[in-house]
Amino acid sequence: SRPDLLVSGDTGEFYVEAAAVLSGIVEEGRDSERES
């Protein structure tokens, strides 16, 4: 499979793959879903 986007401009063409990173503070014994 190809990446999400093929972008073309004056500087040439390139592929872009988009990804979201879910991160933050990790504390042992905690669970955000249950705490909510």
PDB file of all heavy atoms in Angstrom:
ATOM      1  N   SER A   1       0.823  -1.204   0.000  1.00  0.00           N
ATOM      2  CA  SER A   1       0.000   0.000   0.000  1.00  0.00           C
ATOM      3  C   SER A   1       0.856   1.253   0.000  1.00  0.00           C
ATOM      4  O   SER A   1       1.976   1.270   0.519  1.00  0.00           O
ATOM      5  CB  SER A   1      -0.928   0.011   1.211  1.00  0.00           C
ATOM      6  OG  SER A   1      -0.177   0.082   2.404  1.00  0.00           O
ATOM      7  N   ARG A   2       0.337   2.308  -0.576  1.00  0.00           N
ATOM      8  CA  ARG A   2       1.028   3.593  -0.607  1.00  0.00           C
ATOM      9  C   ARG A   2       0.720   4.378   0.669  1.00  0.00           C
ATOM     10  O   ARG A   2      -0.265   4.106   1.358  1.00  0.00           O
ATOM     11  CB  ARG A   2       0.574   4.412  -1.817  1.00  0.00           C
ATOM     12  CG  ARG A   2       0.975   3.842  -3.174  1.00  0.00           C
ATOM     13  CD  ARG A   2       0.503   4.775  -4.279  1.00  0.00           C
ATOM     14  NE  ARG A   2       0.784   4.230  -5.594  1.00  0.00           N
ATOM     15  CZ  ARG A   2       1.924   4.401  -6.264  1.00  0.00           C
ATOM     16  NH1 ARG A   2       2.896   5.101  -5.703  1.00  0.00           N
ATOM     17  NH2 ARG A   2       2.086   3.887  -7.457  1.00  0.00           N
ATOM     18  N   PRO A   3       1.538   5.392   0.972  1.00  0.00           N
ATOM     19  CA  PRO A   3       1.209   6.296   2.080  1.00  0.00           C
ATOM     20  C   PRO A   3      -0.074   7.065   1.806  1.00  0.00           C
ATOM     21  O   PRO A   3      -0.632   7.021   0.702  1.00  0.00           O
ATOM     22  CB  PRO A   3       2.436   7.219   2.145  1.00  0.00           C
ATOM     23  CG  PRO A   3       3.540   6.438   1.500  1.00  0.00           C
ATOM     24  CD  PRO A   3       2.868   5.634   0.416  1.00  0.00           C
ATOM     25  N   ASP A   4      -0.536   7.819   2.812  1.00  0.00           N
ATOM     26  CA  ASP A   4      -1.843   8.467   2.737  1.00  0.00           C
ATOM     27  C   ASP A   4      -1.947   9.497   1.621  1.00  0.00           C
ATOM     28  O   ASP A   4      -2.975   9.587   0.950  1.00  0.00           O
ATOM     29  CB  ASP A   4      -2.156   9.153   4.077  1.00  0.00           C
ATOM     30  CG  ASP A   4      -2.293   8.156   5.206  1.00  0.00           C
ATOM     31  OD1 ASP A   4      -2.880   7.087   4.985  1.00  0.00           O
ATOM     32  OD2 ASP A   4      -1.809   8.452   6.308  1.00  0.00           O
ATOM     33  N   LEU A   5      -0.905  10.312   1.437  1.00  0.00           N
ATOM     34  CA  LEU A   5      -0.973  11.426   0.496  1.00  0.00           C
ATOM     35  C   LEU A   5       0.243  11.441  -0.424  1.00  0.00           C
ATOM     36  O   LEU A   5       1.355  11.111  -0.005  1.00  0.00           O
ATOM     37  CB  LEU A   5      -1.030  12.764   1.251  1.00  0.00           C
ATOM     38  CG  LEU A   5      -2.131  12.963   2.291  1.00  0.00           C
ATOM     39  CD1 LEU A   5      -1.932  14.283   3.022  1.00  0.00           C
ATOM     40  CD2 LEU A   5      -3.507  12.907   1.656  1.00  0.00           C
ATOM     41  N   LEU A   6       0.025  11.864  -1.667  1.00  0.00           N
ATOM     42  CA  LEU A   6       1.102  12.206  -2.584  1.00  0.00           C
ATOM     43  C   LEU A   6       1.007  13.706  -2.819  1.00  0.00           C
ATOM     44  O   LEU A   6       0.002  14.204  -3.335  1.00  0.00           O
ATOM     45  CB  LEU A   6       0.967  11.446  -3.899  1.00  0.00           C
ATOM     46  CG  LEU A   6       1.965  11.849  -4.995  1.00  0.00           C
ATOM     47  CD1 LEU A   6       3.395  11.594  -4.549  1.00  0.00           C
ATOM     48  CD2 LEU A   6       1.654  11.098  -6.300  1.00  0.00           C
ATOM     49  N   VAL A   7       2.038  14.429  -2.408  1.00  0.00           N
ATOM     50  CA  VAL A   7       2.042  15.889  -2.462  1.00  0.00           C
ATOM     51  C   VAL A   7       3.014  16.339  -3.541  1.00  0.00           C
ATOM     52  O   VAL A   7       4.167  15.876  -3.587  1.00  0.00           O
ATOM     53  CB  VAL A   7       2.452  16.482  -1.097  1.00  0.00           C
ATOM     54  CG1 VAL A   7       2.445  18.006  -1.146  1.00  0.00           C
ATOM     55  CG2 VAL A   7       1.512  15.978   0.001  1.00  0.00           C
ATOM     56  N   SER A   8       2.569  17.249  -4.411  1.00  0.00           N
ATOM     57  CA  SER A   8       3.387  17.725  -5.531  1.00  0.00           C
ATOM     58  C   SER A   8       3.437  19.247  -5.513  1.00  0.00           C
ATOM     59  O   SER A   8       2.407  19.913  -5.338  1.00  0.00           O
ATOM     60  CB  SER A   8       2.811  17.250  -6.872  1.00  0.00           C
ATOM     61  OG  SER A   8       2.611  15.847  -6.872  1.00  0.00           O
ATOM     62  N   GLY A   9       4.650  19.795  -5.701  1.00  0.00           N
ATOM     63  CA  GLY A   9       4.815  21.242  -5.725  1.00  0.00           C
ATOM     64  C   GLY A   9       6.062  21.630  -6.484  1.00  0.00           C
ATOM     65  O   GLY A   9       6.691  20.791  -7.157  1.00  0.00           O
ATOM     66  N   ASP A  10       6.449  22.899  -6.377  1.00  0.00           N
ATOM     67  CA  ASP A  10       7.618  23.398  -7.100  1.00  0.00           C
ATOM     68  C   ASP A  10       8.902  22.702  -6.677  1.00  0.00           C
ATOM     69  O   ASP A  10       9.867  22.635  -7.454  1.00  0.00           O
ATOM     70  CB  ASP A  10       7.759  24.908  -6.891  1.00  0.00           C
ATOM     71  CG  ASP A  10       6.590  25.690  -7.491  1.00  0.00           C
ATOM     72  OD1 ASP A  10       5.928  25.141  -8.400  1.00  0.00           O
ATOM     73  OD2 ASP A  10       6.347  26.826  -7.053  1.00  0.00           O
ATOM     74  N   THR A  11       8.938  22.206  -5.443  1.00  0.00           N
ATOM     75  CA  THR A  11      10.152  21.561  -4.939  1.00  0.00           C
ATOM     76  C   THR A  11      10.161  20.061  -5.198  1.00  0.00           C
ATOM     77  O   THR A  11      11.083  19.372  -4.756  1.00  0.00           O
ATOM     78  CB  THR A  11      10.296  21.816  -3.426  1.00  0.00           C
ATOM     79  OG1 THR A  11       9.117  21.352  -2.752  1.00  0.00           O
ATOM     80  CG2 THR A  11      10.475  23.303  -3.143  1.00  0.00           C
ATOM     81  N   GLY A  12       9.165  19.547  -5.894  1.00  0.00           N
ATOM     82  CA  GLY A  12       9.130  18.131  -6.215  1.00  0.00           C
ATOM     83  C   GLY A  12       7.950  17.424  -5.591  1.00  0.00           C
ATOM     84  O   GLY A  12       7.033  18.045  -5.039  1.00  0.00           O
ATOM     85  N   GLU A  13       7.966  16.105  -5.683  1.00  0.00           N
ATOM     86  CA  GLU A  13       6.899  15.268  -5.148  1.00  0.00           C
ATOM     87  C   GLU A  13       7.408  14.481  -3.942  1.00  0.00           C
ATOM     88  O   GLU A  13       8.575  14.103  -3.869  1.00  0.00           O
ATOM     89  CB  GLU A  13       6.405  14.285  -6.208  1.00  0.00           C
ATOM     90  CG  GLU A  13       5.715  14.922  -7.402  1.00  0.00           C
ATOM     91  CD  GLU A  13       5.191  13.872  -8.364  1.00  0.00           C
ATOM     92  OE1 GLU A  13       5.918  12.889  -8.614  1.00  0.00           O
ATOM     93  OE2 GLU A  13       4.063  14.025  -8.858  1.00  0.00           O
ATOM     94  N   PHE A  14       6.498  14.206  -2.996  1.00  0.00           N
ATOM     95  CA  PHE A  14       6.842  13.365  -1.855  1.00  0.00           C
ATOM     96  C   PHE A  14       5.570  12.761  -1.288  1.00  0.00           C
ATOM     97  O   PHE A  14       4.475  13.289  -1.450  1.00  0.00           O
ATOM     98  CB  PHE A  14       7.597  14.155  -0.774  1.00  0.00           C
ATOM     99  CG  PHE A  14       6.893  15.391  -0.280  1.00  0.00           C
ATOM    100  CD1 PHE A  14       6.073  15.343   0.847  1.00  0.00           C
ATOM    101  CD2 PHE A  14       7.042  16.608  -0.937  1.00  0.00           C
ATOM    102  CE1 PHE A  14       5.432  16.479   1.316  1.00  0.00           C
ATOM    103  CE2 PHE A  14       6.379  17.749  -0.486  1.00  0.00           C
ATOM    104  CZ  PHE A  14       5.592  17.691   0.636  1.00  0.00           C
ATOM    105  N   TYR A  15       5.748  11.631  -0.611  1.00  0.00           N
ATOM    106  CA  TYR A  15       4.650  10.962   0.052  1.00  0.00           C
ATOM    107  C   TYR A  15       4.563  11.426   1.499  1.00  0.00           C
ATOM    108  O   TYR A  15       5.569  11.753   2.132  1.00  0.00           O
ATOM    109  CB  TYR A  15       4.855   9.441   0.045  1.00  0.00           C
ATOM    110  CG  TYR A  15       4.779   8.790  -1.317  1.00  0.00           C
ATOM    111  CD1 TYR A  15       5.923   8.265  -1.915  1.00  0.00           C
ATOM    112  CD2 TYR A  15       3.563   8.686  -1.989  1.00  0.00           C
ATOM    113  CE1 TYR A  15       5.861   7.646  -3.155  1.00  0.00           C
ATOM    114  CE2 TYR A  15       3.495   8.074  -3.236  1.00  0.00           C
ATOM    115  CZ  TYR A  15       4.643   7.560  -3.811  1.00  0.00           C
ATOM    116  OH  TYR A  15       4.565   6.952  -5.041  1.00  0.00           O
ATOM    117  N   VAL A  16       3.332  11.410   2.039  1.00  0.00           N
ATOM    118  CA  VAL A  16       3.100  11.761   3.440  1.00  0.00           C
ATOM    119  C   VAL A  16       2.227  10.679   4.066  1.00  0.00           C
ATOM    120  O   VAL A  16       1.168  10.329   3.524  1.00  0.00           O
ATOM    121  CB  VAL A  16       2.412  13.131   3.594  1.00  0.00           C
ATOM    122  CG1 VAL A  16       2.100  13.420   5.067  1.00  0.00           C
ATOM    123  CG2 VAL A  16       3.278  14.236   3.012  1.00  0.00           C
ATOM    124  N   GLU A  17       2.681  10.146   5.194  1.00  0.00           N
ATOM    125  CA  GLU A  17       1.889   9.216   6.001  1.00  0.00           C
ATOM    126  C   GLU A  17       1.519   9.924   7.291  1.00  0.00           C
ATOM    127  O   GLU A  17       2.393  10.446   8.003  1.00  0.00           O
ATOM    128  CB  GLU A  17       2.677   7.946   6.311  1.00  0.00           C
ATOM    129  CG  GLU A  17       1.933   6.929   7.134  1.00  0.00           C
ATOM    130  CD  GLU A  17       0.854   6.192   6.347  1.00  0.00           C
ATOM    131  OE1 GLU A  17       0.843   6.263   5.102  1.00  0.00           O
ATOM    132  OE2 GLU A  17       0.009   5.521   6.990  1.00  0.00           O
ATOM    133  N   ALA A  18       0.228   9.992   7.613  1.00  0.00           N
ATOM    134  CA  ALA A  18      -0.257  10.704   8.800  1.00  0.00           C
ATOM    135  C   ALA A  18      -0.473   9.725   9.940  1.00  0.00           C
ATOM    136  O   ALA A  18      -1.048   8.649   9.749  1.00  0.00           O
ATOM    137  CB  ALA A  18      -1.559  11.438   8.485  1.00  0.00           C
ATOM    138  N   ALA A  19      -0.031  10.110  11.142  1.00  0.00           N
ATOM    139  CA  ALA A  19      -0.212   9.248  12.317  1.00  0.00           C
ATOM    140  C   ALA A  19      -0.370  10.116  13.556  1.00  0.00           C
ATOM    141  O   ALA A  19       0.348  11.101  13.732  1.00  0.00           O
ATOM    142  CB  ALA A  19       0.984   8.307  12.487  1.00  0.00           C
ATOM    143  N   ALA A  20      -1.316   9.751  14.410  1.00  0.00           N
ATOM    144  CA  ALA A  20      -1.514  10.435  15.686  1.00  0.00           C
ATOM    145  C   ALA A  20      -0.806   9.650  16.778  1.00  0.00           C
ATOM    146  O   ALA A  20      -0.880   8.422  16.823  1.00  0.00           O
ATOM    147  CB  ALA A  20      -3.003  10.572  16.001  1.00  0.00           C
ATOM    148  N   VAL A  21      -0.113  10.362  17.674  1.00  0.00           N
ATOM    149  CA  VAL A  21       0.615   9.749  18.777  1.00  0.00           C
ATOM    150  C   VAL A  21      -0.108  10.080  20.077  1.00  0.00           C
ATOM    151  O   VAL A  21      -0.208  11.253  20.452  1.00  0.00           O
ATOM    152  CB  VAL A  21       2.072  10.250  18.847  1.00  0.00           C
ATOM    153  CG1 VAL A  21       2.816   9.564  19.981  1.00  0.00           C
ATOM    154  CG2 VAL A  21       2.782  10.025  17.520  1.00  0.00           C
ATOM    155  N   LEU A  22      -0.625   9.073  20.759  1.00  0.00           N
ATOM    156  CA  LEU A  22      -1.293   9.252  22.045  1.00  0.00           C
ATOM    157  C   LEU A  22      -0.297   8.920  23.146  1.00  0.00           C
ATOM    158  O   LEU A  22       0.155   7.783  23.261  1.00  0.00           O
ATOM    159  CB  LEU A  22      -2.525   8.353  22.145  1.00  0.00           C
ATOM    160  CG  LEU A  22      -3.581   8.510  21.038  1.00  0.00           C
ATOM    161  CD1 LEU A  22      -4.754   7.584  21.310  1.00  0.00           C
ATOM    162  CD2 LEU A  22      -4.054   9.943  20.930  1.00  0.00           C
ATOM    163  N   SER A  23       0.057   9.914  23.940  1.00  0.00           N
ATOM    164  CA  SER A  23       1.053   9.699  24.986  1.00  0.00           C
ATOM    165  C   SER A  23       0.794  10.681  26.119  1.00  0.00           C
ATOM    166  O   SER A  23      -0.152  11.468  26.092  1.00  0.00           O
ATOM    167  CB  SER A  23       2.475   9.883  24.424  1.00  0.00           C
ATOM    168  OG  SER A  23       2.638  11.182  23.867  1.00  0.00           O
ATOM    169  N   GLY A  24       1.639  10.666  27.129  1.00  0.00           N
ATOM    170  CA  GLY A  24       1.476  11.547  28.284  1.00  0.00           C
ATOM    171  C   GLY A  24       2.094  10.909  29.512  1.00  0.00           C
ATOM    172  O   GLY A  24       3.024  10.104  29.415  1.00  0.00           O
ATOM    173  N   ILE A  25       1.570  11.257  30.685  1.00  0.00           N
ATOM    174  CA  ILE A  25       2.102  10.725  31.935  1.00  0.00           C
ATOM    175  C   ILE A  25       1.589   9.303  32.149  1.00  0.00           C
ATOM    176  O   ILE A  25       0.405   9.025  32.004  1.00  0.00           O
ATOM    177  CB  ILE A  25       1.690  11.607  33.128  1.00  0.00           C
ATOM    178  CG1 ILE A  25       2.321  12.999  32.991  1.00  0.00           C
ATOM    179  CG2 ILE A  25       2.118  10.986  34.441  1.00  0.00           C
ATOM    180  CD1 ILE A  25       1.907  13.962  34.084  1.00  0.00           C
ATOM    181  N   VAL A  26       2.496   8.412  32.473  1.00  0.00           N
ATOM    182  CA  VAL A  26       2.151   7.019  32.763  1.00  0.00           C
ATOM    183  C   VAL A  26       2.498   6.750  34.222  1.00  0.00           C
ATOM    184  O   VAL A  26       3.654   6.834  34.626  1.00  0.00           O
ATOM    185  CB  VAL A  26       2.916   6.046  31.853  1.00  0.00           C
ATOM    186  CG1 VAL A  26       2.574   4.616  32.220  1.00  0.00           C
ATOM    187  CG2 VAL A  26       2.590   6.318  30.394  1.00  0.00           C
ATOM    188  N   GLU A  27       1.488   6.456  35.028  1.00  0.00           N
ATOM    189  CA  GLU A  27       1.693   6.141  36.438  1.00  0.00           C
ATOM    190  C   GLU A  27       1.199   4.725  36.698  1.00  0.00           C
ATOM    191  O   GLU A  27       0.067   4.380  36.331  1.00  0.00           O
ATOM    192  CB  GLU A  27       0.941   7.129  37.333  1.00  0.00           C
ATOM    193  CG  GLU A  27       1.141   6.870  38.822  1.00  0.00           C
ATOM    194  CD  GLU A  27       0.407   7.874  39.688  1.00  0.00           C
ATOM    195  OE1 GLU A  27      -0.065   8.892  39.156  1.00  0.00           O
ATOM    196  OE2 GLU A  27       0.309   7.633  40.897  1.00  0.00           O
ATOM    197  N   GLU A  28       2.036   3.920  37.321  1.00  0.00           N
ATOM    198  CA  GLU A  28       1.676   2.535  37.592  1.00  0.00           C
ATOM    199  C   GLU A  28       0.404   2.470  38.438  1.00  0.00           C
ATOM    200  O   GLU A  28       0.263   3.185  39.428  1.00  0.00           O
ATOM    201  CB  GLU A  28       2.823   1.832  38.319  1.00  0.00           C
ATOM    202  CG  GLU A  28       2.598   0.342  38.500  1.00  0.00           C
ATOM    203  CD  GLU A  28       3.788  -0.350  39.144  1.00  0.00           C
ATOM    204  OE1 GLU A  28       4.814   0.328  39.371  1.00  0.00           O
ATOM    205  OE2 GLU A  28       3.676  -1.559  39.405  1.00  0.00           O
ATOM    206  N   GLY A  29      -0.512   1.615  38.024  1.00  0.00           N
ATOM    207  CA  GLY A  29      -1.749   1.425  38.766  1.00  0.00           C
ATOM    208  C   GLY A  29      -2.877   2.357  38.358  1.00  0.00           C
ATOM    209  O   GLY A  29      -4.000   2.210  38.845  1.00  0.00           O
ATOM    210  N   ARG A  30      -2.602   3.322  37.477  1.00  0.00           N
ATOM    211  CA  ARG A  30      -3.647   4.257  37.060  1.00  0.00           C
ATOM    212  C   ARG A  30      -4.262   3.801  35.744  1.00  0.00           C
ATOM    213  O   ARG A  30      -3.619   3.125  34.929  1.00  0.00           O
ATOM    214  CB  ARG A  30      -3.068   5.670  36.901  1.00  0.00           C
ATOM    215  CG  ARG A  30      -2.475   6.251  38.172  1.00  0.00           C
ATOM    216  CD  ARG A  30      -3.515   6.499  39.235  1.00  0.00           C
ATOM    217  NE  ARG A  30      -4.444   7.539  38.846  1.00  0.00           N
ATOM    218  CZ  ARG A  30      -4.247   8.851  39.083  1.00  0.00           C
ATOM    219  NH1 ARG A  30      -3.140   9.251  39.709  1.00  0.00           N
ATOM    220  NH2 ARG A  30      -5.146   9.739  38.731  1.00  0.00           N
ATOM    221  N   ASP A  31      -5.514   4.179  35.512  1.00  0.00           N
ATOM    222  CA  ASP A  31      -6.214   3.819  34.289  1.00  0.00           C
ATOM    223  C   ASP A  31      -7.209   4.923  33.970  1.00  0.00           C
ATOM    224  O   ASP A  31      -8.219   5.076  34.658  1.00  0.00           O
ATOM    225  CB  ASP A  31      -6.928   2.477  34.436  1.00  0.00           C
ATOM    226  CG  ASP A  31      -7.560   2.006  33.127  1.00  0.00           C
ATOM    227  OD1 ASP A  31      -8.625   2.551  32.757  1.00  0.00           O
ATOM    228  OD2 ASP A  31      -6.983   1.116  32.484  1.00  0.00           O
ATOM    229  N   SER A  32      -6.922   5.710  32.945  1.00  0.00           N
ATOM    230  CA  SER A  32      -7.744   6.885  32.631  1.00  0.00           C
ATOM    231  C   SER A  32      -9.172   6.520  32.290  1.00  0.00           C
ATOM    232  O   SER A  32     -10.118   7.224  32.670  1.00  0.00           O
ATOM    233  CB  SER A  32      -7.111   7.672  31.474  1.00  0.00           C
ATOM    234  OG  SER A  32      -5.836   8.166  31.822  1.00  0.00           O
ATOM    235  N   GLU A  33      -9.356   5.411  31.572  1.00  0.00           N
ATOM    236  CA  GLU A  33     -10.713   5.037  31.168  1.00  0.00           C
ATOM    237  C   GLU A  33     -11.564   4.683  32.381  1.00  0.00           C
ATOM    238  O   GLU A  33     -12.698   5.147  32.516  1.00  0.00           O
ATOM    239  CB  GLU A  33     -10.673   3.866  30.189  1.00  0.00           C
ATOM    240  CG  GLU A  33     -12.052   3.452  29.697  1.00  0.00           C
ATOM    241  CD  GLU A  33     -11.997   2.330  28.678  1.00  0.00           C
ATOM    242  OE1 GLU A  33     -10.881   1.924  28.306  1.00  0.00           O
ATOM    243  OE2 GLU A  33     -13.067   1.852  28.272  1.00  0.00           O
ATOM    244  N   ARG A  34     -11.024   3.871  33.287  1.00  0.00           N
ATOM    245  CA  ARG A  34     -11.797   3.498  34.472  1.00  0.00           C
ATOM    246  C   ARG A  34     -11.997   4.698  35.390  1.00  0.00           C
ATOM    247  O   ARG A  34     -13.068   4.857  35.994  1.00  0.00           O
ATOM    248  CB  ARG A  34     -11.102   2.356  35.225  1.00  0.00           C
ATOM    249  CG  ARG A  34     -11.046   1.055  34.460  1.00  0.00           C
ATOM    250  CD  ARG A  34     -10.822  -0.132  35.391  1.00  0.00           C
ATOM    251  NE  ARG A  34      -9.650   0.019  36.226  1.00  0.00           N
ATOM    252  CZ  ARG A  34      -8.423  -0.388  35.899  1.00  0.00           C
ATOM    253  NH1 ARG A  34      -8.206  -0.941  34.714  1.00  0.00           N
ATOM    254  NH2 ARG A  34      -7.421  -0.239  36.740  1.00  0.00           N
ATOM    255  N   GLU A  35     -10.988   5.526  35.519  1.00  0.00           N
ATOM    256  CA  GLU A  35     -11.111   6.697  36.389  1.00  0.00           C
ATOM    257  C   GLU A  35     -12.187   7.651  35.886  1.00  0.00           C
ATOM    258  O   GLU A  35     -12.856   8.327  36.680  1.00  0.00           O
ATOM    259  CB  GLU A  35      -9.768   7.412  36.486  1.00  0.00           C
ATOM    260  CG  GLU A  35      -8.728   6.626  37.264  1.00  0.00           C
ATOM    261  CD  GLU A  35      -7.349   7.265  37.208  1.00  0.00           C
ATOM    262  OE1 GLU A  35      -7.272   8.471  36.878  1.00  0.00           O
ATOM    263  OE2 GLU A  35      -6.355   6.572  37.510  1.00  0.00           O
ATOM    264  N   SER A  36     -12.369   7.708  34.567  1.00  0.00           N
ATOM    265  CA  SER A  36     -13.391   8.607  34.020  1.00  0.00           C
ATOM    266  C   SER A  36     -14.790   8.182  34.442  1.00  0.00           C
ATOM    267  O   SER A  36     -15.695   9.016  34.516  1.00  0.00           O
ATOM    268  CB  SER A  36     -13.279   8.661  32.494  1.00  0.00           C
ATOM    269  OG  SER A  36     -13.616   7.411  31.912  1.00  0.00           O
TER     270      SER A  36
END
